Amino acid sequence: MRLMIVLLLSACALAGLQTWRIGGLTDKSDQAQRIIGTLSAGIESRDNAIHRLNENAVTRERQEQSLRAQLTQAGQRARDREYTIQRLLNENQEMRDWYSARLPDGIGRMHARPAFASAADYLRWLSGGDELPDTGKLTRH
């Protein structure tokens, strides 16, 4: 009978020990689940950021292609304009004379600008610049 009691107490002790270990494992499992949840949220956030960055890259690539096409078109139009001007100059003596004539002083001053380091410098130059002659008054020409 004594042996039975010792065995029963041993079995109870082992059951208690197993219950305590299971409780500890449950706590560790809960902690691991919290860590997994935190890491999953971080991964999802990272994936969303990567997705947004990829979309931005695709959008910028499309915009770059569009700008390159516009630049090509603008270059072609500029070449066409230069060819037209050159053709007109080659065909017409009156046009060559007009093209090579000196601009009036007022117009020449409009085209002469110093280099500006900032927009404020440009505004200062613009505000204090030389005035153009009044078109109603006689000029020195």
N, C-alpha and C. Protein backbone atom coordinates (compact mmCIF):
# COMPACT_ATOMS: atom_id res chain seq x y z
N MET A 1 0.82 -1.17 0.00
CA MET A 1 0.00 0.00 0.00
C MET A 1 0.88 1.26 0.00
N ARG A 2 1.92 1.14 0.74
CA ARG A 2 2.85 2.23 0.77
C ARG A 2 3.41 2.51 -0.62
N LEU A 3 3.71 1.48 -1.29
CA LEU A 3 4.23 1.62 -2.63
C LEU A 3 3.20 2.31 -3.53
N MET A 4 1.95 1.98 -3.35
CA MET A 4 0.87 2.60 -4.11
C MET A 4 0.78 4.09 -3.82
N ILE A 5 0.91 4.44 -2.56
CA ILE A 5 0.83 5.84 -2.18
C ILE A 5 2.02 6.59 -2.76
N VAL A 6 3.19 5.99 -2.68
CA VAL A 6 4.40 6.63 -3.22
C VAL A 6 4.24 6.79 -4.74
N LEU A 7 3.75 5.76 -5.40
CA LEU A 7 3.53 5.85 -6.84
C LEU A 7 2.48 6.91 -7.17
N LEU A 8 1.41 6.96 -6.38
CA LEU A 8 0.37 7.95 -6.61
C LEU A 8 0.91 9.36 -6.38
N LEU A 9 1.68 9.56 -5.32
CA LEU A 9 2.29 10.87 -5.05
C LEU A 9 3.30 11.23 -6.15
N SER A 10 4.05 10.25 -6.61
CA SER A 10 5.00 10.48 -7.69
C SER A 10 4.26 10.87 -8.96
N ALA A 11 3.15 10.18 -9.22
CA ALA A 11 2.37 10.50 -10.41
C ALA A 11 1.78 11.91 -10.30
N CYS A 12 1.32 12.27 -9.11
CA CYS A 12 0.78 13.63 -8.90
C CYS A 12 1.89 14.66 -9.05
N ALA A 13 3.06 14.37 -8.53
CA ALA A 13 4.18 15.30 -8.65
C ALA A 13 4.58 15.47 -10.11
N LEU A 14 4.63 14.35 -10.83
CA LEU A 14 4.95 14.42 -12.25
C LEU A 14 3.87 15.18 -13.02
N ALA A 15 2.61 14.97 -12.67
CA ALA A 15 1.51 15.68 -13.33
C ALA A 15 1.63 17.18 -13.04
N GLY A 16 1.94 17.54 -11.79
CA GLY A 16 2.11 18.95 -11.42
C GLY A 16 3.30 19.57 -12.17
N LEU A 17 4.40 18.80 -12.24
CA LEU A 17 5.57 19.27 -12.95
C LEU A 17 5.26 19.48 -14.43
N GLN A 18 4.53 18.54 -15.02
CA GLN A 18 4.15 18.67 -16.42
C GLN A 18 3.21 19.85 -16.63
N THR A 19 2.29 20.07 -15.70
CA THR A 19 1.37 21.20 -15.78
C THR A 19 2.15 22.51 -15.71
N TRP A 20 3.13 22.56 -14.81
CA TRP A 20 3.96 23.78 -14.68
C TRP A 20 4.76 24.01 -15.96
N ARG A 21 5.32 22.94 -16.52
CA ARG A 21 6.09 23.08 -17.77
C ARG A 21 5.18 23.50 -18.93
N ILE A 22 3.98 22.93 -18.96
CA ILE A 22 3.04 23.30 -20.02
C ILE A 22 2.65 24.77 -19.88
N GLY A 23 2.44 25.23 -18.65
CA GLY A 23 2.14 26.65 -18.42
C GLY A 23 3.27 27.54 -18.90
N GLY A 24 4.51 27.14 -18.62
CA GLY A 24 5.66 27.91 -19.08
C GLY A 24 5.75 27.91 -20.60
N LEU A 25 5.48 26.75 -21.19
CA LEU A 25 5.50 26.67 -22.65
C LEU A 25 4.37 27.49 -23.27
N THR A 26 3.23 27.54 -22.59
CA THR A 26 2.11 28.34 -23.08
C THR A 26 2.50 29.82 -23.06
N ASP A 27 3.17 30.25 -21.98
CA ASP A 27 3.64 31.64 -21.91
C ASP A 27 4.64 31.93 -23.03
N LYS A 28 5.55 30.99 -23.25
CA LYS A 28 6.52 31.18 -24.33
C LYS A 28 5.82 31.19 -25.68
N SER A 29 4.81 30.35 -25.84
CA SER A 29 4.06 30.31 -27.09
C SER A 29 3.33 31.63 -27.31
N ASP A 30 2.71 32.18 -26.27
CA ASP A 30 2.03 33.48 -26.38
C ASP A 30 3.02 34.58 -26.74
N GLN A 31 4.19 34.55 -26.09
CA GLN A 31 5.22 35.55 -26.38
C GLN A 31 5.68 35.39 -27.84
N ALA A 32 5.86 34.17 -28.30
CA ALA A 32 6.29 33.94 -29.68
C ALA A 32 5.20 34.42 -30.65
N GLN A 33 3.93 34.21 -30.31
CA GLN A 33 2.84 34.67 -31.16
C GLN A 33 2.83 36.20 -31.25
N ARG A 34 3.10 36.88 -30.12
CA ARG A 34 3.18 38.35 -30.15
C ARG A 34 4.34 38.81 -31.03
N ILE A 35 5.47 38.15 -30.90
CA ILE A 35 6.63 38.50 -31.71
C ILE A 35 6.32 38.26 -33.19
N ILE A 36 5.68 37.13 -33.49
CA ILE A 36 5.31 36.83 -34.88
C ILE A 36 4.35 37.89 -35.40
N GLY A 37 3.38 38.30 -34.58
CA GLY A 37 2.43 39.35 -34.99
C GLY A 37 3.14 40.66 -35.29
N THR A 38 4.08 41.03 -34.41
CA THR A 38 4.84 42.27 -34.62
C THR A 38 5.67 42.18 -35.89
N LEU A 39 6.35 41.06 -36.07
CA LEU A 39 7.17 40.89 -37.27
C LEU A 39 6.31 40.85 -38.53
N SER A 40 5.14 40.22 -38.45
CA SER A 40 4.24 40.18 -39.61
C SER A 40 3.77 41.57 -39.98
N ALA A 41 3.44 42.38 -38.97
CA ALA A 41 3.02 43.76 -39.24
C ALA A 41 4.17 44.55 -39.87
N GLY A 42 5.39 44.33 -39.38
CA GLY A 42 6.55 45.01 -39.96
C GLY A 42 6.78 44.59 -41.40
N ILE A 43 6.64 43.30 -41.66
CA ILE A 43 6.82 42.79 -43.03
C ILE A 43 5.75 43.35 -43.94
N GLU A 44 4.51 43.40 -43.46
CA GLU A 44 3.41 43.95 -44.27
C GLU A 44 3.65 45.43 -44.57
N SER A 45 4.11 46.16 -43.56
CA SER A 45 4.42 47.58 -43.76
C SER A 45 5.54 47.74 -44.78
N ARG A 46 6.57 46.92 -44.67
CA ARG A 46 7.68 46.97 -45.62
C ARG A 46 7.20 46.63 -47.03
N ASP A 47 6.36 45.60 -47.14
CA ASP A 47 5.84 45.22 -48.45
C ASP A 47 5.01 46.35 -49.07
N ASN A 48 4.20 47.02 -48.24
CA ASN A 48 3.41 48.16 -48.74
C ASN A 48 4.33 49.28 -49.22
N ALA A 49 5.38 49.56 -48.46
CA ALA A 49 6.33 50.61 -48.85
C ALA A 49 7.02 50.23 -50.16
N ILE A 50 7.41 48.98 -50.31
CA ILE A 50 8.04 48.53 -51.55
C ILE A 50 7.08 48.66 -52.72
N HIS A 51 5.83 48.30 -52.49
CA HIS A 51 4.82 48.42 -53.54
C HIS A 51 4.65 49.87 -53.97
N ARG A 52 4.55 50.79 -53.00
CA ARG A 52 4.42 52.22 -53.32
C ARG A 52 5.64 52.72 -54.07
N LEU A 53 6.83 52.31 -53.63
CA LEU A 53 8.06 52.74 -54.30
C LEU A 53 8.11 52.21 -55.74
N ASN A 54 7.68 50.97 -55.93
CA ASN A 54 7.65 50.42 -57.29
C ASN A 54 6.67 51.18 -58.17
N GLU A 55 5.50 51.51 -57.62
CA GLU A 55 4.52 52.30 -58.38
C GLU A 55 5.09 53.67 -58.73
N ASN A 56 5.76 54.30 -57.77
CA ASN A 56 6.38 55.61 -58.02
C ASN A 56 7.45 55.50 -59.10
N ALA A 57 8.23 54.43 -59.05
CA ALA A 57 9.29 54.24 -60.06
C ALA A 57 8.68 54.07 -61.44
N VAL A 58 7.60 53.30 -61.54
CA VAL A 58 6.95 53.10 -62.84
C VAL A 58 6.38 54.42 -63.35
N THR A 59 5.73 55.17 -62.45
CA THR A 59 5.17 56.47 -62.83
C THR A 59 6.26 57.42 -63.29
N ARG A 60 7.36 57.49 -62.56
CA ARG A 60 8.46 58.37 -62.95
C ARG A 60 9.09 57.93 -64.28
N GLU A 61 9.15 56.64 -64.50
CA GLU A 61 9.70 56.15 -65.76
C GLU A 61 8.81 56.57 -66.93
N ARG A 62 7.49 56.46 -66.72
CA ARG A 62 6.56 56.91 -67.78
C ARG A 62 6.70 58.41 -68.02
N GLN A 63 6.81 59.18 -66.94
CA GLN A 63 6.97 60.62 -67.08
C GLN A 63 8.28 60.95 -67.80
N GLU A 64 9.33 60.22 -67.46
CA GLU A 64 10.62 60.44 -68.12
C GLU A 64 10.52 60.14 -69.62
N GLN A 65 9.84 59.04 -69.96
CA GLN A 65 9.67 58.71 -71.37
C GLN A 65 8.88 59.80 -72.09
N SER A 66 7.84 60.29 -71.43
CA SER A 66 7.03 61.36 -72.02
C SER A 66 7.87 62.62 -72.23
N LEU A 67 8.67 62.98 -71.22
CA LEU A 67 9.52 64.17 -71.33
C LEU A 67 10.57 64.00 -72.43
N ARG A 68 11.12 62.80 -72.54
CA ARG A 68 12.10 62.55 -73.60
C ARG A 68 11.44 62.69 -74.98
N ALA A 69 10.21 62.18 -75.11
CA ALA A 69 9.50 62.31 -76.38
C ALA A 69 9.22 63.78 -76.68
N GLN A 70 8.82 64.55 -75.67
CA GLN A 70 8.57 65.97 -75.86
C GLN A 70 9.86 66.70 -76.23
N LEU A 71 10.96 66.32 -75.59
CA LEU A 71 12.25 66.93 -75.91
C LEU A 71 12.65 66.64 -77.35
N THR A 72 12.42 65.39 -77.77
CA THR A 72 12.73 65.03 -79.16
C THR A 72 11.88 65.84 -80.13
N GLN A 73 10.59 65.98 -79.82
CA GLN A 73 9.69 66.76 -80.68
C GLN A 73 10.11 68.23 -80.71
N ALA A 74 10.46 68.78 -79.53
CA ALA A 74 10.88 70.18 -79.48
C ALA A 74 12.16 70.38 -80.28
N GLY A 75 13.08 69.44 -80.18
CA GLY A 75 14.32 69.53 -80.96
C GLY A 75 14.04 69.49 -82.45
N GLN A 76 13.13 68.60 -82.84
CA GLN A 76 12.78 68.51 -84.26
C GLN A 76 12.13 69.81 -84.74
N ARG A 77 11.23 70.37 -83.92
CA ARG A 77 10.59 71.64 -84.31
C ARG A 77 11.62 72.76 -84.41
N ALA A 78 12.59 72.79 -83.49
CA ALA A 78 13.64 73.82 -83.54
C ALA A 78 14.48 73.65 -84.81
N ARG A 79 14.83 72.40 -85.16
CA ARG A 79 15.58 72.17 -86.39
C ARG A 79 14.77 72.60 -87.61
N ASP A 80 13.49 72.25 -87.61
CA ASP A 80 12.62 72.65 -88.73
C ASP A 80 12.56 74.17 -88.85
N ARG A 81 12.44 74.86 -87.71
CA ARG A 81 12.38 76.31 -87.71
C ARG A 81 13.68 76.90 -88.25
N GLU A 82 14.81 76.35 -87.82
CA GLU A 82 16.11 76.83 -88.31
C GLU A 82 16.25 76.60 -89.81
N TYR A 83 15.81 75.43 -90.28
CA TYR A 83 15.87 75.16 -91.72
C TYR A 83 14.99 76.13 -92.49
N THR A 84 13.80 76.42 -91.94
CA THR A 84 12.89 77.36 -92.61
C THR A 84 13.51 78.75 -92.66
N ILE A 85 14.09 79.20 -91.55
CA ILE A 85 14.73 80.52 -91.53
C ILE A 85 15.88 80.56 -92.53
N GLN A 86 16.69 79.53 -92.53
CA GLN A 86 17.82 79.49 -93.45
C GLN A 86 17.35 79.47 -94.90
N ARG A 87 16.31 78.72 -95.18
CA ARG A 87 15.77 78.67 -96.54
C ARG A 87 15.25 80.04 -96.96
N LEU A 88 14.51 80.71 -96.05
CA LEU A 88 14.00 82.04 -96.37
C LEU A 88 15.13 83.04 -96.59
N LEU A 89 16.17 82.93 -95.77
CA LEU A 89 17.31 83.84 -95.93
C LEU A 89 18.03 83.59 -97.25
N ASN A 90 18.13 82.34 -97.62
CA ASN A 90 18.80 82.01 -98.89
C ASN A 90 17.98 82.44 -100.10
N GLU A 91 16.67 82.46 -99.96
CA GLU A 91 15.80 82.78 -101.09
C GLU A 91 15.58 84.27 -101.28
N ASN A 92 15.65 85.07 -100.25
CA ASN A 92 15.14 86.43 -100.31
C ASN A 92 16.18 87.43 -99.80
N GLN A 93 16.65 88.32 -100.65
CA GLN A 93 17.64 89.33 -100.26
C GLN A 93 17.06 90.28 -99.23
N GLU A 94 15.81 90.67 -99.38
CA GLU A 94 15.18 91.58 -98.42
C GLU A 94 15.15 90.95 -97.02
N MET A 95 14.86 89.66 -96.96
CA MET A 95 14.85 88.95 -95.67
C MET A 95 16.25 88.90 -95.09
N ARG A 96 17.28 88.69 -95.90
CA ARG A 96 18.67 88.68 -95.41
C ARG A 96 19.04 90.03 -94.83
N ASP A 97 18.63 91.09 -95.51
CA ASP A 97 18.93 92.44 -95.01
C ASP A 97 18.24 92.69 -93.68
N TRP A 98 16.98 92.30 -93.58
CA TRP A 98 16.24 92.50 -92.32
C TRP A 98 16.87 91.69 -91.20
N TYR A 99 17.24 90.45 -91.51
CA TYR A 99 17.80 89.54 -90.51
C TYR A 99 19.14 90.04 -89.98
N SER A 100 19.93 90.64 -90.83
CA SER A 100 21.26 91.10 -90.41
C SER A 100 21.24 92.52 -89.84
N ALA A 101 20.11 93.21 -89.90
CA ALA A 101 20.03 94.58 -89.38
C ALA A 101 20.15 94.60 -87.87
N ARG A 102 20.70 95.69 -87.34
CA ARG A 102 20.86 95.87 -85.90
C ARG A 102 19.51 96.17 -85.27
N LEU A 103 19.29 95.58 -84.08
CA LEU A 103 18.04 95.84 -83.37
C LEU A 103 18.06 97.24 -82.77
N PRO A 104 16.88 97.87 -82.57
CA PRO A 104 16.84 99.16 -81.89
C PRO A 104 17.39 99.02 -80.47
N ASP A 105 17.89 100.14 -79.91
CA ASP A 105 18.53 100.11 -78.59
C ASP A 105 17.63 99.51 -77.51
N GLY A 106 16.37 99.92 -77.49
CA GLY A 106 15.46 99.42 -76.47
C GLY A 106 15.30 97.91 -76.52
N ILE A 107 15.18 97.39 -77.72
CA ILE A 107 15.04 95.95 -77.89
C ILE A 107 16.35 95.26 -77.52
N GLY A 108 17.46 95.85 -77.90
CA GLY A 108 18.76 95.28 -77.55
C GLY A 108 18.95 95.21 -76.05
N ARG A 109 18.51 96.25 -75.32
CA ARG A 109 18.62 96.24 -73.86
C ARG A 109 17.72 95.16 -73.25
N MET A 110 16.59 94.89 -73.89
CA MET A 110 15.71 93.83 -73.38
C MET A 110 16.40 92.46 -73.47
N HIS A 111 17.22 92.29 -74.47
CA HIS A 111 17.89 91.00 -74.67
C HIS A 111 19.18 90.89 -73.87
N ALA A 112 19.73 92.01 -73.41
CA ALA A 112 20.99 91.98 -72.67
C ALA A 112 20.68 91.86 -71.19
N ARG A 113 21.04 90.72 -70.61
CA ARG A 113 20.81 90.49 -69.18
C ARG A 113 22.07 89.92 -68.56
N PRO A 114 22.39 90.35 -67.37
CA PRO A 114 23.52 89.74 -66.67
C PRO A 114 23.13 88.36 -66.13
N ALA A 115 24.11 87.63 -65.68
CA ALA A 115 23.84 86.32 -65.07
C ALA A 115 23.28 86.56 -63.67
N PHE A 116 22.29 85.79 -63.28
CA PHE A 116 21.66 85.94 -61.98
C PHE A 116 21.93 84.71 -61.13
N ALA A 117 22.22 84.94 -59.86
CA ALA A 117 22.46 83.83 -58.94
C ALA A 117 21.16 83.34 -58.31
N SER A 118 20.15 84.19 -58.27
CA SER A 118 18.88 83.79 -57.66
C SER A 118 17.75 84.60 -58.26
N ALA A 119 16.54 84.21 -57.91
CA ALA A 119 15.36 84.93 -58.38
C ALA A 119 15.33 86.34 -57.78
N ALA A 120 15.82 86.48 -56.56
CA ALA A 120 15.85 87.81 -55.92
C ALA A 120 16.76 88.75 -56.71
N ASP A 121 17.90 88.25 -57.19
CA ASP A 121 18.79 89.08 -58.00
C ASP A 121 18.10 89.53 -59.28
N TYR A 122 17.36 88.61 -59.90
CA TYR A 122 16.64 88.95 -61.12
C TYR A 122 15.59 90.02 -60.84
N LEU A 123 14.83 89.87 -59.74
CA LEU A 123 13.80 90.86 -59.41
C LEU A 123 14.42 92.22 -59.10
N ARG A 124 15.56 92.22 -58.41
CA ARG A 124 16.26 93.49 -58.13
C ARG A 124 16.69 94.14 -59.44
N TRP A 125 17.24 93.34 -60.37
CA TRP A 125 17.67 93.88 -61.65
C TRP A 125 16.47 94.39 -62.44
N LEU A 126 15.38 93.63 -62.39
CA LEU A 126 14.19 94.00 -63.14
C LEU A 126 13.59 95.30 -62.60
N SER A 127 13.57 95.46 -61.28
CA SER A 127 12.99 96.66 -60.67
C SER A 127 13.85 97.89 -60.92
N GLY A 128 15.14 97.74 -60.91
CA GLY A 128 16.02 98.89 -61.05
C GLY A 128 16.61 99.03 -62.43
N GLY A 129 16.11 98.26 -63.37
CA GLY A 129 16.70 98.25 -64.71
C GLY A 129 16.39 99.51 -65.50
N ASP A 130 17.04 99.61 -66.64
CA ASP A 130 16.82 100.74 -67.54
C ASP A 130 15.42 100.68 -68.11
N GLU A 131 14.81 101.83 -68.19
CA GLU A 131 13.48 101.87 -68.78
C GLU A 131 13.59 101.90 -70.30
N LEU A 132 12.62 101.28 -70.94
CA LEU A 132 12.56 101.32 -72.39
C LEU A 132 11.96 102.65 -72.81
N PRO A 133 12.33 103.16 -73.97
CA PRO A 133 11.77 104.44 -74.40
C PRO A 133 10.27 104.33 -74.66
N ASP A 134 9.57 105.42 -74.37
CA ASP A 134 8.14 105.48 -74.64
C ASP A 134 7.94 105.46 -76.15
N THR A 135 7.04 104.61 -76.62
CA THR A 135 6.86 104.48 -78.07
C THR A 135 6.23 105.72 -78.68
N GLY A 136 5.62 106.56 -77.87
CA GLY A 136 5.03 107.80 -78.40
C GLY A 136 6.05 108.90 -78.57
N LYS A 137 7.22 108.76 -77.97
CA LYS A 137 8.25 109.78 -78.06
C LYS A 137 9.26 109.42 -79.15
N LEU A 138 9.91 110.42 -79.66
CA LEU A 138 10.95 110.18 -80.67
C LEU A 138 12.19 109.60 -80.01
N THR A 139 12.83 108.68 -80.69
CA THR A 139 14.06 108.09 -80.15
C THR A 139 15.24 108.70 -80.91
N ARG A 140 16.43 108.30 -80.56
CA ARG A 140 17.64 108.83 -81.17
C ARG A 140 17.86 108.29 -82.58
N HIS A 141 17.11 107.42 -83.09
CA HIS A 141 17.31 106.81 -84.41
C HIS A 141 17.03 107.77 -85.49
